């Protein structure tokens, strides 16, 4: 019996007399029906490496549930792989897939007599989807199991560099043989890709929020440790049911501040700026964009992992992982924040220190002759200050964002003439085709949630970052988003987006765009290459917007639904059913 009273499963059994015979028909015993019942849900599928191994981890979680006297019920909703969909029409479905996975977890929970849940996921949209579901179903005990990280390839080659070598191949800078050798060995094992992209970032956010077990994020997916961790989570969820420890007792504003500070320290993916607000919204908490600026100005940037650093992300876990970051920035964090262990963030850290966890796990780095401090810098000798800036100005009245930890120092301030595109492919072709002049400001618009589902501008950013002539002279501005692998002077999430009639919709070729990252501003400052004063530019923007006409809707089906109902990127890009017109 739970400390909070009758189990939900038993209450629903009394309401629905059909439940027992239906369960008995699938080999549940009468004894099973009396036990705490646990949803074990994963995004297993054999079409992508981040989910291929999750069925095994789910089985281990089920073992843990059984060992603690519970009865597991497995369910699956397969996710998609952004890497596989990259550059295709599939990327338009990526962000909305997050919301649909979350919705399916809700459906499974509401439609079954269950008392707690263990959710297993590894990748870009499935991890935030599961965290959103946990927040939405806040009265349920729940624990997240990160699916871990794959091994690096030869010469420490990792998947995010495929875009770079592809651009180099297009420019005849490397041979096709060298390209194919590296491309085919970039993903040597299961797990999420081994760089600090969105997948590893969101695994880290799960742990920082207190929703995953300590030291579980970014764990090597091919090691026995991760299977033992999944089994431990199965045991722990039954204890959480008995304790009445629900997600609503864990997720507080302080939890999200902790996650943002960990994000600043690791230089995490910019996609977290879509996911954390969406998770917070499900918990009834609003994250103002200004909070990112406030916390990033005070927290040191510590992690030396790709794409902003030198090492594969698997080294992050070897160097201490999220707990190693927490140990370095603990003076900034809310250490009294509750976690799924039933203990606080600070208590978890103390237990690991007492067990000499950091000394033990860092022995793996001896194999590579790498020091832990080379991967996670000391807070007394940081790599920089924070990693994310929120920009505002006449080009982004409702904000935009940039990952300045990946921006060359000479591009922190930039004024350049606009070169405007309305598709990712056109921009990519122009960059690799040598049609972009140094000093330009490339604009790619109608790429936001309501434009086409907000795909990643991965290939244009990689082409820009890998170009010796452009990477430190030329900027990119978009209402779309970026891959977690993206780097360089790239400003995204410009809001309002073009499809919503934001000023980015009326930018014309040779308009001057000013990016001031230290000053946190993004403005249109000139016309036809000539700088104008603020009043003149305000008048130009008003006149152009008065003549702007919204393009016709292009999509049907679920993508059409999303492009009609999506919230602003700076609010999380979630499906806003409140925006559904009354018919």
Protein backbone atom coordinates (compact mmCIF):
# COMPACT_ATOMS: atom_id res chain seq x y z
CA UNK A 1 0.00 0.00 0.00
CA UNK A 2 1.33 3.43 -0.93
CA UNK A 3 1.86 6.04 1.75
CA UNK A 4 -0.60 8.22 -0.19
CA UNK A 5 -3.42 5.72 0.06
CA UNK A 6 -4.94 3.18 -2.31
CA UNK A 7 -2.93 2.45 -5.43
CA UNK A 8 -4.32 3.90 -8.63
CA UNK A 9 -4.29 0.47 -10.26
CA UNK A 10 -6.49 -1.01 -7.54
CA UNK A 11 -8.91 1.90 -7.65
CA UNK A 12 -9.33 1.51 -11.41
CA UNK A 13 -9.81 -2.27 -11.04
CA UNK A 14 -12.80 -1.59 -8.83
CA UNK A 15 -14.22 0.83 -11.40
CA UNK A 16 -13.59 -1.41 -14.44
CA UNK A 17 -14.56 -5.06 -13.92
CA UNK A 18 -13.31 -5.92 -17.42
CA UNK A 19 -9.71 -5.11 -16.46
CA UNK A 20 -8.99 -8.38 -14.64
CA UNK A 21 -10.11 -10.81 -17.35
CA UNK A 22 -8.34 -8.82 -20.05
CA UNK A 23 -5.09 -8.86 -18.08
CA UNK A 24 -5.43 -12.54 -17.17
CA UNK A 25 -5.72 -13.32 -20.89
CA UNK A 26 -2.13 -12.09 -21.38
CA UNK A 27 -0.64 -14.22 -18.60
CA UNK A 28 -1.13 -11.86 -15.67
CA UNK A 29 -1.90 -13.79 -12.49
CA UNK A 30 -4.27 -12.73 -9.75
CA UNK A 31 -1.18 -12.08 -7.63
CA UNK A 32 0.21 -9.79 -10.37
CA UNK A 33 -3.00 -7.78 -10.38
CA UNK A 34 -2.56 -6.98 -6.69
CA UNK A 35 0.99 -5.65 -7.13
CA UNK A 36 2.08 -2.08 -7.88
CA UNK A 37 1.78 -1.86 -11.67
CA UNK A 38 4.50 -0.02 -13.58
CA UNK A 39 4.46 1.33 -17.11
CA UNK A 40 7.84 0.57 -18.70
CA UNK A 41 7.78 2.60 -21.90
CA UNK A 42 10.57 3.06 -24.41
CA UNK A 43 11.06 4.33 -27.94
CA UNK A 44 12.60 1.07 -29.10
CA UNK A 45 12.89 0.49 -32.83
CA UNK A 46 15.43 -1.23 -35.04
CA UNK A 47 15.80 1.65 -37.50
CA UNK A 48 18.09 3.95 -35.50
CA UNK A 49 21.09 3.40 -33.18
CA UNK A 50 19.79 5.51 -30.31
CA UNK A 51 16.78 3.22 -29.83
CA UNK A 52 17.99 -0.14 -31.16
CA UNK A 53 19.18 -1.30 -27.72
CA UNK A 54 16.31 0.06 -25.62
CA UNK A 55 14.26 -3.13 -25.64
CA UNK A 56 17.09 -4.83 -23.73
CA UNK A 57 17.23 -1.97 -21.27
CA UNK A 58 13.45 -2.16 -20.81
CA UNK A 59 13.77 -5.85 -20.01
CA UNK A 60 16.37 -4.98 -17.37
CA UNK A 61 14.06 -2.34 -15.91
CA UNK A 62 11.30 -4.97 -15.79
CA UNK A 63 13.63 -7.27 -13.87
CA UNK A 64 14.09 -4.54 -11.33
CA UNK A 65 10.35 -3.98 -11.03
CA UNK A 66 9.80 -7.71 -10.46
CA UNK A 67 12.60 -7.87 -7.90
CA UNK A 68 10.94 -5.14 -5.83
CA UNK A 69 7.49 -6.72 -5.87
CA UNK A 70 5.93 -4.83 -8.76
CA UNK A 71 4.43 -5.89 -12.08
CA UNK A 72 5.77 -4.21 -15.25
CA UNK A 73 3.73 -3.44 -18.36
CA UNK A 74 5.85 -2.70 -21.44
CA UNK A 75 4.79 -0.28 -24.18
CA UNK A 76 6.63 1.29 -27.12
CA UNK A 77 6.35 4.39 -29.31
CA UNK A 78 9.30 4.51 -31.71
CA UNK A 79 11.02 7.85 -32.22
CA UNK A 80 12.80 9.20 -35.30
CA UNK A 81 16.47 9.95 -35.88
CA UNK A 82 17.31 13.54 -36.79
CA UNK A 83 20.57 12.37 -38.34
CA UNK A 84 18.73 10.07 -40.73
CA UNK A 85 16.13 12.71 -41.56
CA UNK A 86 18.70 15.52 -41.89
CA UNK A 87 18.29 17.57 -45.05
CA UNK A 88 15.10 15.74 -46.12
CA UNK A 89 11.41 16.50 -45.76
CA UNK A 90 11.49 14.31 -42.65
CA UNK A 91 13.15 17.08 -40.64
CA UNK A 92 9.90 19.03 -40.77
CA UNK A 93 8.38 16.28 -38.64
CA UNK A 94 11.15 16.16 -36.06
CA UNK A 95 10.03 18.76 -33.53
CA UNK A 96 6.37 17.80 -33.70
CA UNK A 97 7.34 14.15 -33.06
CA UNK A 98 8.36 15.25 -29.56
CA UNK A 99 4.81 16.32 -28.75
CA UNK A 100 3.27 13.22 -30.29
CA UNK A 101 5.51 10.86 -28.28
CA UNK A 102 4.57 12.81 -25.15
CA UNK A 103 0.88 12.52 -26.05
CA UNK A 104 1.18 8.76 -26.51
CA UNK A 105 2.74 8.32 -23.07
CA UNK A 106 -0.19 10.28 -21.65
CA UNK A 107 -2.63 8.07 -23.54
CA UNK A 108 -0.95 4.89 -22.34
CA UNK A 109 -0.96 6.10 -18.74
CA UNK A 110 -4.56 7.29 -18.72
CA UNK A 111 -5.86 4.16 -20.44
CA UNK A 112 -4.23 1.61 -18.10
CA UNK A 113 -4.39 0.82 -14.37
CA UNK A 114 -0.84 1.92 -13.54
CA UNK A 115 0.92 3.27 -10.46
CA UNK A 116 4.29 4.48 -11.73
CA UNK A 117 6.37 4.71 -14.88
CA UNK A 118 9.88 4.11 -16.12
CA UNK A 119 10.59 5.87 -19.43
CA UNK A 120 13.62 4.92 -21.53
CA UNK A 121 15.00 7.11 -24.34
CA UNK A 122 18.28 8.32 -25.78
CA UNK A 123 17.80 10.86 -28.52
CA UNK A 124 16.94 14.38 -29.56
CA UNK A 125 13.14 14.38 -29.37
CA UNK A 126 12.38 11.26 -27.37
CA UNK A 127 14.17 12.43 -24.21
CA UNK A 128 12.36 15.79 -24.03
CA UNK A 129 9.12 14.02 -24.99
CA UNK A 130 9.46 11.71 -22.00
CA UNK A 131 10.38 14.58 -19.70
CA UNK A 132 7.33 16.51 -20.92
CA UNK A 133 5.15 13.48 -20.25
CA UNK A 134 6.57 13.12 -16.74
CA UNK A 135 5.82 16.79 -16.07
CA UNK A 136 2.33 16.57 -17.58
CA UNK A 137 1.50 13.49 -15.51
CA UNK A 138 3.00 15.11 -12.45
CA UNK A 139 0.99 13.16 -9.89
CA UNK A 140 2.59 9.91 -11.04
CA UNK A 141 5.84 8.51 -9.64
CA UNK A 142 8.17 8.43 -12.65
CA UNK A 143 11.83 7.95 -13.48
CA UNK A 144 13.72 8.49 -16.72
CA UNK A 145 16.42 6.11 -17.95
CA UNK A 146 18.84 7.79 -20.42
CA UNK A 147 19.83 5.37 -23.17
CA UNK A 148 23.47 6.41 -23.21
CA UNK A 149 26.10 7.32 -25.79
CA UNK A 150 27.86 5.43 -28.59
CA UNK A 151 31.61 4.89 -28.94
CA UNK A 152 33.71 7.23 -31.04
CA UNK A 153 35.00 6.22 -34.48
CA UNK A 154 38.60 6.03 -35.83
CA UNK A 155 40.77 8.97 -34.91
CA UNK A 156 37.98 10.00 -32.50
CA UNK A 157 35.80 10.75 -35.52
CA UNK A 158 32.14 11.37 -34.59
CA UNK A 159 28.94 11.83 -36.58
CA UNK A 160 28.67 15.62 -36.35
CA UNK A 161 31.84 15.86 -38.45
CA UNK A 162 30.23 14.05 -41.40
CA UNK A 163 28.61 17.32 -42.45
CA UNK A 164 32.03 18.95 -42.38
CA UNK A 165 33.73 16.31 -44.52
CA UNK A 166 30.73 16.30 -46.86
CA UNK A 167 31.21 20.02 -47.45
CA UNK A 168 34.94 19.41 -47.91
CA UNK A 169 34.19 16.68 -50.46
CA UNK A 170 31.91 19.06 -52.36
CA UNK A 171 34.76 21.58 -52.48
CA UNK A 172 37.23 18.84 -53.58
CA UNK A 173 39.26 19.35 -50.40
CA UNK A 174 39.33 15.62 -49.52
CA UNK A 175 39.17 12.46 -51.60
CA UNK A 176 36.05 10.35 -51.94
CA UNK A 177 37.93 7.39 -50.46
CA UNK A 178 38.81 9.34 -47.29
CA UNK A 179 35.26 10.64 -47.07
CA UNK A 180 33.71 7.18 -47.34
CA UNK A 181 36.15 5.64 -44.84
CA UNK A 182 35.20 8.15 -42.14
CA UNK A 183 31.52 8.43 -43.03
CA UNK A 184 30.96 4.67 -42.74
CA UNK A 185 32.69 4.43 -39.36
CA UNK A 186 31.20 7.47 -37.63
CA UNK A 187 28.68 5.39 -35.63
CA UNK A 188 30.41 2.20 -34.48
CA UNK A 189 27.97 1.14 -31.72
CA UNK A 190 24.43 1.70 -30.45
CA UNK A 191 23.57 4.77 -28.39
CA UNK A 192 23.10 8.42 -29.18
CA UNK A 193 25.78 10.19 -31.20
CA UNK A 194 29.00 10.88 -29.32
CA UNK A 195 29.05 14.67 -29.29
CA UNK A 196 27.33 17.20 -27.05
CA UNK A 197 24.38 17.52 -29.40
CA UNK A 198 20.74 17.59 -28.48
CA UNK A 199 20.60 13.93 -27.41
CA UNK A 200 23.45 14.13 -24.91
CA UNK A 201 22.33 17.59 -23.84
CA UNK A 202 18.82 16.42 -23.02
CA UNK A 203 20.13 13.34 -21.22
CA UNK A 204 22.15 15.79 -19.11
CA UNK A 205 19.06 17.95 -18.58
CA UNK A 206 17.13 14.90 -17.34
CA UNK A 207 19.76 14.26 -14.67
CA UNK A 208 20.13 17.95 -13.80
CA UNK A 209 16.35 18.27 -13.35
CA UNK A 210 16.44 15.37 -10.89
CA UNK A 211 14.38 13.06 -13.10
CA UNK A 212 17.15 10.51 -13.82
CA UNK A 213 19.47 8.66 -11.46
CA UNK A 214 22.83 10.29 -10.63
CA UNK A 215 25.61 9.52 -13.16
CA UNK A 216 23.20 7.95 -15.66
CA UNK A 217 23.26 10.59 -18.43
CA UNK A 218 25.62 9.96 -21.36
CA UNK A 219 26.68 6.57 -19.95
CA UNK A 220 28.36 4.37 -22.59
CA UNK A 221 25.48 2.52 -24.24
CA UNK A 222 27.59 -0.58 -24.91
CA UNK A 223 28.76 -1.15 -21.29
CA UNK A 224 27.18 -3.36 -18.67
CA UNK A 225 26.85 -0.35 -16.36
CA UNK A 226 23.89 0.96 -18.32
CA UNK A 227 22.00 -2.33 -18.06
CA UNK A 228 22.59 -2.42 -14.33
CA UNK A 229 21.42 1.18 -14.11
CA UNK A 230 18.17 0.33 -15.93
CA UNK A 231 17.55 -2.55 -13.52
CA UNK A 232 18.20 -0.27 -10.56
CA UNK A 233 15.61 2.17 -11.93
CA UNK A 234 13.07 -0.66 -12.07
CA UNK A 235 13.69 -1.37 -8.40
CA UNK A 236 13.63 2.32 -7.50
CA UNK A 237 10.26 3.07 -9.13
CA UNK A 238 8.50 0.61 -6.84
CA UNK A 239 10.07 2.36 -3.86
CA UNK A 240 8.92 5.72 -5.25
CA UNK A 241 5.37 4.38 -5.49
CA UNK A 242 5.53 3.31 -1.84
CA UNK A 243 7.00 6.68 -0.84
CA UNK A 244 4.48 8.68 -2.86
CA UNK A 245 7.37 10.52 -4.56
CA UNK A 246 5.84 12.01 -7.70
CA UNK A 247 7.28 14.21 -10.43
CA UNK A 248 5.33 17.20 -9.12
CA UNK A 249 7.35 16.96 -5.89
CA UNK A 250 10.61 17.05 -7.85
CA UNK A 251 10.08 19.64 -10.59
CA UNK A 252 10.26 23.14 -9.14
CA UNK A 253 11.50 26.42 -10.59
CA UNK A 254 14.81 25.72 -8.86
CA UNK A 255 15.08 22.44 -10.80
CA UNK A 256 14.86 24.30 -14.10
CA UNK A 257 17.38 26.90 -12.95
CA UNK A 258 19.74 24.04 -12.11
CA UNK A 259 19.24 22.57 -15.59
CA UNK A 260 19.92 25.92 -17.30
CA UNK A 261 23.11 26.35 -15.26
CA UNK A 262 24.32 22.84 -16.12
CA UNK A 263 23.48 23.62 -19.75
CA UNK A 264 25.62 26.77 -19.57
CA UNK A 265 28.54 24.80 -18.12
CA UNK A 266 28.43 22.06 -20.78
CA UNK A 267 27.77 24.35 -23.75
CA UNK A 268 24.71 22.29 -24.56
CA UNK A 269 22.64 22.19 -27.72
CA UNK A 270 20.52 25.23 -28.55
CA UNK A 271 17.55 22.87 -28.92
CA UNK A 272 17.34 22.82 -25.13
CA UNK A 273 15.89 26.32 -25.47
CA UNK A 274 12.93 24.67 -27.20
CA UNK A 275 12.65 21.73 -24.83
CA UNK A 276 13.15 23.13 -21.33
CA UNK A 277 10.39 25.77 -21.71
CA UNK A 278 8.06 23.07 -23.08
CA UNK A 279 8.82 20.76 -20.13
CA UNK A 280 8.40 23.63 -17.68
CA UNK A 281 5.06 24.55 -19.23
CA UNK A 282 3.80 21.02 -18.58
CA UNK A 283 4.83 21.50 -14.94
CA UNK A 284 2.99 24.83 -14.75
CA UNK A 285 6.21 26.87 -14.72
CA UNK A 286 7.08 29.65 -17.16
CA UNK A 287 10.71 30.22 -18.15
CA UNK A 288 11.28 33.76 -19.36
CA UNK A 289 13.95 34.01 -22.09
CA UNK A 290 15.83 36.54 -19.99
CA UNK A 291 16.60 33.82 -17.43
CA UNK A 292 19.05 32.25 -19.89
CA UNK A 293 20.99 35.53 -20.11
CA UNK A 294 20.98 35.99 -16.35
CA UNK A 295 22.32 32.52 -15.56
CA UNK A 296 24.75 32.27 -18.49
CA UNK A 297 26.45 35.49 -17.38
CA UNK A 298 27.40 33.93 -14.04
CA UNK A 299 28.08 30.22 -14.69
CA UNK A 300 31.48 29.10 -16.07
CA UNK A 301 31.68 27.17 -19.35
CA UNK A 302 33.66 24.01 -18.57
CA UNK A 303 33.17 21.19 -21.06
CA UNK A 304 35.71 20.46 -23.78
CA UNK A 305 33.54 18.19 -25.94
CA UNK A 306 32.43 18.51 -29.51
CA UNK A 307 31.04 20.46 -31.26
CA UNK A 308 32.41 23.32 -29.11
CA UNK A 309 35.46 21.38 -27.92
CA UNK A 310 37.94 18.66 -28.76
CA UNK A 311 36.65 15.34 -27.37
CA UNK A 312 33.82 12.88 -28.09
CA UNK A 313 30.91 13.12 -25.65
CA UNK A 314 31.63 9.67 -24.25
CA UNK A 315 34.62 11.33 -22.57
CA UNK A 316 32.13 13.52 -20.72
CA UNK A 317 30.88 10.50 -18.78
CA UNK A 318 34.40 9.17 -18.23
CA UNK A 319 35.37 12.56 -16.74
CA UNK A 320 32.48 12.52 -14.26
CA UNK A 321 29.51 13.46 -16.40
CA UNK A 322 26.73 15.65 -15.09
CA UNK A 323 27.82 14.96 -11.52
CA UNK A 324 31.31 16.20 -12.39
CA UNK A 325 29.76 19.44 -13.65
CA UNK A 326 27.56 19.70 -10.55
CA UNK A 327 30.63 19.29 -8.35
CA UNK A 328 32.39 22.17 -10.14
CA UNK A 329 29.47 24.63 -10.14
CA UNK A 330 27.77 23.59 -6.90
CA UNK A 331 28.19 27.10 -5.52
CA UNK A 332 25.70 28.30 -8.15
CA UNK A 333 23.17 25.46 -7.87
CA UNK A 334 20.15 24.81 -5.70
CA UNK A 335 21.61 21.76 -3.99
CA UNK A 336 18.46 21.25 -1.92
CA UNK A 337 16.44 20.37 -5.05
CA UNK A 338 14.73 16.96 -4.76
CA UNK A 339 15.54 14.10 -7.15
CA UNK A 340 14.16 10.66 -8.03
CA UNK A 341 16.49 9.08 -5.48
CA UNK A 342 14.40 10.63 -2.71
CA UNK A 343 17.46 12.67 -1.82
CA UNK A 344 18.56 16.14 -2.85
CA UNK A 345 21.02 17.08 -5.56
CA UNK A 346 23.60 17.86 -2.90
CA UNK A 347 23.04 14.60 -1.02
CA UNK A 348 23.47 12.58 -4.21
CA UNK A 349 26.76 14.34 -4.93
CA UNK A 350 28.01 13.72 -1.40
CA UNK A 351 27.24 10.00 -1.68
CA UNK A 352 29.21 9.74 -4.92
CA UNK A 353 32.16 11.58 -3.42
CA UNK A 354 32.14 9.31 -0.36
CA UNK A 355 32.18 6.27 -2.67
CA UNK A 356 35.18 7.67 -4.61
CA UNK A 357 33.04 7.57 -7.74
CA UNK A 358 35.00 10.22 -9.62
CA UNK A 359 38.38 8.58 -9.06
CA UNK A 360 36.99 5.26 -10.28
CA UNK A 361 35.17 6.38 -13.42
CA UNK A 362 38.04 8.60 -14.56
CA UNK A 363 40.29 5.55 -14.90
CA UNK A 364 38.71 5.00 -18.33
CA UNK A 365 40.45 8.15 -19.55
CA UNK A 366 43.83 6.53 -18.80
CA UNK A 367 43.13 4.33 -21.85
CA UNK A 368 43.22 7.46 -24.00
CA UNK A 369 45.99 9.25 -22.09
CA UNK A 370 43.60 12.12 -21.40
CA UNK A 371 43.29 13.96 -18.08
CA UNK A 372 39.81 14.54 -16.67
CA UNK A 373 40.58 18.25 -16.30
CA UNK A 374 41.15 18.43 -20.04
CA UNK A 375 37.52 17.32 -20.53
CA UNK A 376 35.80 19.07 -17.61
CA UNK A 377 37.77 22.15 -16.68
CA UNK A 378 38.00 23.39 -13.12
CA UNK A 379 35.60 26.21 -12.31
CA UNK A 380 38.66 28.17 -11.20
CA UNK A 381 40.10 27.85 -14.74
CA UNK A 382 37.01 27.83 -17.01
CA UNK A 383 36.98 27.81 -20.79
CA UNK A 384 34.70 30.84 -20.73
CA UNK A 385 31.54 32.31 -19.24
CA UNK A 386 28.27 30.55 -20.06
CA UNK A 387 27.36 29.45 -23.58
CA UNK A 388 23.96 30.86 -24.61
CA UNK A 389 22.84 34.43 -25.26
CA UNK A 390 19.29 35.65 -25.82
CA UNK A 391 19.15 38.53 -28.30
CA UNK A 392 16.42 41.13 -28.78
CA UNK A 393 15.97 43.97 -31.25
CA UNK A 394 13.91 45.23 -34.17
CA UNK A 395 14.69 42.03 -36.11
CA UNK A 396 13.71 39.83 -33.15
CA UNK A 397 11.15 41.69 -31.01
CA UNK A 398 10.26 38.42 -29.27
CA UNK A 399 13.88 37.30 -28.95
CA UNK A 400 16.36 35.06 -30.75
CA UNK A 401 19.25 32.97 -29.47
CA UNK A 402 22.88 32.18 -30.23
CA UNK A 403 25.38 29.68 -28.81
CA UNK A 404 28.28 32.06 -28.34
CA UNK A 405 30.58 29.39 -26.90
CA UNK A 406 30.82 28.08 -30.48
CA UNK A 407 31.25 31.51 -32.12
CA UNK A 408 34.72 32.77 -33.19
CA UNK A 409 35.69 35.76 -30.98
CA UNK A 410 35.93 38.07 -33.97
CA UNK A 411 32.27 37.36 -34.81
CA UNK A 412 30.78 38.28 -31.42
CA UNK A 413 29.93 41.63 -33.04
CA UNK A 414 29.12 41.76 -36.73
CA UNK A 415 27.43 44.04 -39.25
CA UNK A 416 26.86 42.66 -42.72
CA UNK A 417 24.64 42.90 -45.80
CA UNK A 418 21.78 40.42 -45.94
CA UNK A 419 21.68 37.59 -48.47
CA UNK A 420 18.16 36.15 -48.25
CA UNK A 421 17.00 32.56 -48.86
CA UNK A 422 13.72 30.79 -48.28
CA UNK A 423 15.01 27.24 -48.27
CA UNK A 424 17.86 25.41 -46.57
CA UNK A 425 19.03 23.84 -49.85
CA UNK A 426 19.32 27.17 -51.66
CA UNK A 427 21.46 28.56 -48.86
CA UNK A 428 23.67 25.46 -48.77
CA UNK A 429 24.19 25.47 -52.53
CA UNK A 430 25.13 29.16 -52.44
CA UNK A 431 27.66 28.64 -49.65
CA UNK A 432 29.42 25.61 -51.13
CA UNK A 433 29.16 27.13 -54.59
CA UNK A 434 31.22 30.14 -53.55
CA UNK A 435 28.37 32.61 -54.09
CA UNK A 436 28.47 34.16 -50.60
CA UNK A 437 30.81 37.10 -50.06
CA UNK A 438 32.85 37.46 -46.88
CA UNK A 439 31.15 39.65 -44.32
CA UNK A 440 27.60 38.82 -45.38
CA UNK A 441 24.67 38.00 -43.11
CA UNK A 442 22.91 34.96 -44.58
CA UNK A 443 19.17 34.93 -43.82
CA UNK A 444 17.12 31.70 -44.09
CA UNK A 445 13.46 32.35 -43.33
CA UNK A 446 10.07 30.59 -43.23
CA UNK A 447 11.91 27.85 -41.35
CA UNK A 448 10.08 28.32 -38.01
CA UNK A 449 7.46 26.03 -36.43
CA UNK A 450 4.64 27.58 -38.44
CA UNK A 451 6.71 27.89 -41.58
CA UNK A 452 7.62 24.25 -42.19
CA UNK A 453 7.89 22.54 -38.78
CA UNK A 454 11.24 24.12 -37.80
CA UNK A 455 13.84 21.82 -39.36
CA UNK A 456 17.51 22.13 -38.45
CA UNK A 457 19.72 24.29 -40.68
CA UNK A 458 22.50 21.74 -40.32
CA UNK A 459 24.02 21.63 -43.77
CA UNK A 460 24.24 25.42 -44.29
CA UNK A 461 25.81 25.87 -40.85
CA UNK A 462 28.33 23.09 -41.48
CA UNK A 463 29.18 24.51 -44.90
CA UNK A 464 29.68 27.93 -43.28
CA UNK A 465 31.71 26.60 -40.33
CA UNK A 466 33.97 24.48 -42.55
CA UNK A 467 34.73 27.28 -45.01
CA UNK A 468 38.14 28.92 -44.39
CA UNK A 469 36.87 32.14 -46.01
CA UNK A 470 33.49 32.40 -44.28
CA UNK A 471 33.62 30.76 -40.84
CA UNK A 472 35.04 33.83 -39.07
CA UNK A 473 33.64 36.54 -41.37
CA UNK A 474 30.05 35.63 -42.19
CA UNK A 475 26.93 35.15 -40.05
CA UNK A 476 23.72 33.17 -40.48
CA UNK A 477 20.35 34.32 -39.13
CA UNK A 478 17.20 32.17 -39.24
CA UNK A 479 13.80 31.62 -37.68
CA UNK A 480 14.64 27.92 -37.90
CA UNK A 481 16.74 25.94 -35.45
CA UNK A 482 20.11 24.28 -35.47
CA UNK A 483 21.45 20.81 -34.97
CA UNK A 484 23.13 20.15 -31.67
CA UNK A 485 26.23 19.68 -33.81
CA UNK A 486 26.08 23.20 -35.20
CA UNK A 487 28.81 25.73 -34.52
CA UNK A 488 29.82 29.14 -35.73
CA UNK A 489 28.18 32.60 -35.87
CA UNK A 490 24.62 31.32 -36.22
CA UNK A 491 21.58 33.08 -34.73
CA UNK A 492 18.36 31.07 -34.60
CA UNK A 493 14.82 30.90 -33.23
CA UNK A 494 14.22 34.46 -34.47
CA UNK A 495 10.77 35.38 -33.16
CA UNK A 496 8.19 36.21 -34.28
CA UNK A 497 9.01 33.90 -37.16
CA UNK A 498 8.45 34.89 -40.78
CA UNK A 499 5.24 32.87 -41.15
CA UNK A 500 3.81 34.74 -38.16
CA UNK A 501 4.63 38.08 -39.77
CA UNK A 502 7.84 38.77 -37.87
CA UNK A 503 10.30 41.37 -39.22
CA UNK A 504 12.54 38.62 -40.61
CA UNK A 505 9.84 38.16 -43.29
CA UNK A 506 10.57 41.58 -44.82
CA UNK A 507 14.39 41.60 -44.85
CA UNK A 508 15.70 42.44 -48.32
CA UNK A 509 19.01 41.79 -50.01
CA UNK A 510 21.76 44.22 -48.89
CA UNK A 511 19.85 45.35 -45.81
CA UNK A 512 22.40 45.72 -43.04
CA UNK A 513 22.02 43.31 -40.10
CA UNK A 514 23.84 43.98 -36.84
CA UNK A 515 24.55 41.15 -34.40
CA UNK A 516 25.87 42.25 -31.00
CA UNK A 517 26.24 39.20 -28.77
CA UNK A 518 27.86 41.00 -25.78
CA UNK A 519 25.10 43.63 -26.05
CA UNK A 520 22.47 40.90 -26.56
CA UNK A 521 20.91 42.58 -29.61
CA UNK A 522 19.85 41.70 -33.18
CA UNK A 523 18.80 44.58 -35.40
CA UNK A 524 18.15 45.69 -38.93
CA UNK A 525 20.32 48.84 -39.14
CA UNK A 526 20.49 49.79 -42.83
CA UNK A 527 19.05 49.62 -46.32
CA UNK A 528 20.94 49.04 -49.59
CA UNK A 529 24.21 48.77 -47.70
CA UNK A 530 23.77 52.19 -46.05
CA UNK A 531 23.42 52.50 -42.27
CA UNK A 532 20.36 54.41 -41.04
CA UNK A 533 19.20 55.67 -37.65
CA UNK A 534 16.80 53.70 -35.45
CA UNK A 535 13.75 55.84 -36.28
CA UNK A 536 14.30 55.43 -40.02
CA UNK A 537 14.64 51.67 -39.65
CA UNK A 538 11.50 51.47 -37.52
CA UNK A 539 9.60 53.27 -40.29
CA UNK A 540 11.07 50.96 -42.98
CA UNK A 541 10.01 47.87 -41.02
CA UNK A 542 6.48 49.20 -40.45
CA UNK A 543 5.99 50.07 -44.12
CA UNK A 544 7.28 46.73 -45.36
CA UNK A 545 5.18 44.75 -42.87
CA UNK A 546 2.05 46.65 -43.95
CA UNK A 547 2.57 45.26 -47.47
CA UNK A 548 3.58 41.73 -46.42
CA UNK A 549 1.20 38.89 -47.30
CA UNK A 550 1.28 35.57 -45.52
CA UNK A 551 2.25 32.71 -47.88
CA UNK A 552 -0.37 30.00 -48.42
CA UNK A 553 -0.26 26.94 -46.19
CA UNK A 554 1.65 24.09 -47.83
CA UNK A 555 1.07 21.07 -45.62
CA UNK A 556 -1.65 18.57 -44.86
CA UNK A 557 -1.87 15.82 -42.29
CA UNK A 558 -0.05 16.02 -38.99
CA UNK A 559 2.55 18.51 -40.27
CA UNK A 560 -0.27 20.74 -41.46
CA UNK A 561 -1.81 20.56 -37.99
CA UNK A 562 1.50 21.45 -36.39
CA UNK A 563 2.24 24.40 -38.67
CA UNK A 564 -1.22 25.84 -37.88
CA UNK A 565 -1.03 25.37 -34.11
CA UNK A 566 2.66 25.59 -33.13
CA UNK A 567 3.67 28.05 -30.46
CA UNK A 568 6.64 30.40 -30.87
CA UNK A 569 10.09 28.80 -30.80
CA UNK A 570 11.07 30.97 -27.85
CA UNK A 571 8.09 29.55 -25.93
CA UNK A 572 9.00 25.94 -26.72
CA UNK A 573 7.47 25.30 -30.14
CA UNK A 574 4.81 23.05 -28.61
CA UNK A 575 1.48 22.19 -30.24
CA UNK A 576 -0.82 24.89 -28.88
CA UNK A 577 -4.29 23.39 -29.03
CA UNK A 578 -5.59 26.63 -27.59
CA UNK A 579 -4.78 28.13 -30.98
CA UNK A 580 -7.18 25.72 -32.71
CA UNK A 581 -9.91 27.74 -34.44
CA UNK A 582 -13.51 27.10 -33.44
CA UNK A 583 -15.47 25.67 -36.36
